[in-house]
Amino acid sequence: MAIPSKDIRNSLDPDIAGSYYAMQRAGQAAIDLAIQTNTAIVTTIDGKIVRIPAAELIKKRQLTS
């Protein structure tokens, strides 16, 4: 069962709307740390739990830079 998602950036509460960008920064910091420590990130993609190794994170970063 899929849960409908609302874009929190459209919230009337500025704290909630701003939390979207705070979560993006936190995610980027986690990726940076994983690369520095040669560890993996565990996340969900299409509802499935996925482990992304540091080497793959580095490759993705190089492709987007």
Protein backbone atom coordinates (compact mmCIF):
# COMPACT_ATOMS: atom_id res chain seq x y z
CA MET A 1 0.00 0.00 0.00
CA ALA A 2 1.55 3.29 -1.09
CA ILE A 3 1.26 6.26 1.20
CA PRO A 4 0.46 9.47 -0.69
CA SER A 5 3.20 12.01 -0.19
CA LYS A 6 2.85 15.75 -0.01
CA ASP A 7 5.68 18.06 -0.86
CA ILE A 8 6.65 19.59 2.47
CA ARG A 9 8.24 22.53 0.66
CA ASN A 10 4.68 23.77 0.08
CA SER A 11 3.80 23.77 3.78
CA LEU A 12 2.40 26.97 5.26
CA ASP A 13 4.69 26.42 8.26
CA PRO A 14 8.09 27.88 7.32
CA ASP A 15 9.89 25.47 9.68
CA ILE A 16 8.38 22.46 7.96
CA ALA A 17 9.00 23.92 4.50
CA GLY A 18 12.63 24.64 5.41
CA SER A 19 13.15 21.16 6.84
CA TYR A 20 13.24 19.77 3.29
CA TYR A 21 16.52 21.54 2.61
CA ALA A 22 17.87 20.60 6.05
CA MET A 23 17.21 16.94 5.26
CA GLN A 24 18.97 17.31 1.91
CA ARG A 25 22.02 18.80 3.66
CA ALA A 26 21.99 16.00 6.25
CA GLY A 27 21.82 13.39 3.50
CA GLN A 28 24.73 15.01 1.68
CA ALA A 29 26.74 15.11 4.93
CA ALA A 30 26.05 11.38 5.43
CA ILE A 31 27.28 10.66 1.90
CA ASP A 32 30.40 12.76 2.50
CA LEU A 33 31.13 10.85 5.71
CA ALA A 34 30.55 7.48 4.02
CA ILE A 35 33.04 8.41 1.31
CA GLN A 36 35.61 9.65 3.85
CA THR A 37 35.32 6.49 5.96
CA ASN A 38 34.88 4.07 3.02
CA THR A 39 31.56 2.82 4.36
CA ALA A 40 28.15 2.35 2.77
CA ILE A 41 24.90 4.28 2.92
CA VAL A 42 21.70 2.35 3.60
CA THR A 43 18.61 3.95 2.07
CA THR A 44 15.37 3.06 0.34
CA ILE A 45 14.89 3.16 -3.40
CA ASP A 46 11.42 2.43 -4.76
CA GLY A 47 10.42 1.13 -1.33
CA LYS A 48 13.30 -1.37 -1.11
CA ILE A 49 16.18 -1.15 1.36
CA VAL A 50 19.43 -0.70 -0.58
CA ARG A 51 23.06 -0.60 0.52
CA ILE A 52 25.21 1.75 -1.58
CA PRO A 53 28.97 1.24 -1.09
CA ALA A 54 31.37 4.20 -0.92
CA ALA A 55 32.86 3.32 -4.32
CA GLU A 56 29.46 3.66 -5.96
CA LEU A 57 28.81 6.95 -4.14
CA ILE A 58 32.11 8.27 -5.50
CA LYS A 59 31.20 7.21 -9.05
CA LYS A 60 27.78 8.89 -8.79
CA ARG A 61 29.39 12.07 -7.48
CA GLN A 62 31.89 12.14 -10.34
CA LEU A 63 29.10 11.75 -12.88
CA THR A 64 27.14 14.66 -11.46
CA SER A 65 30.09 17.00 -10.98
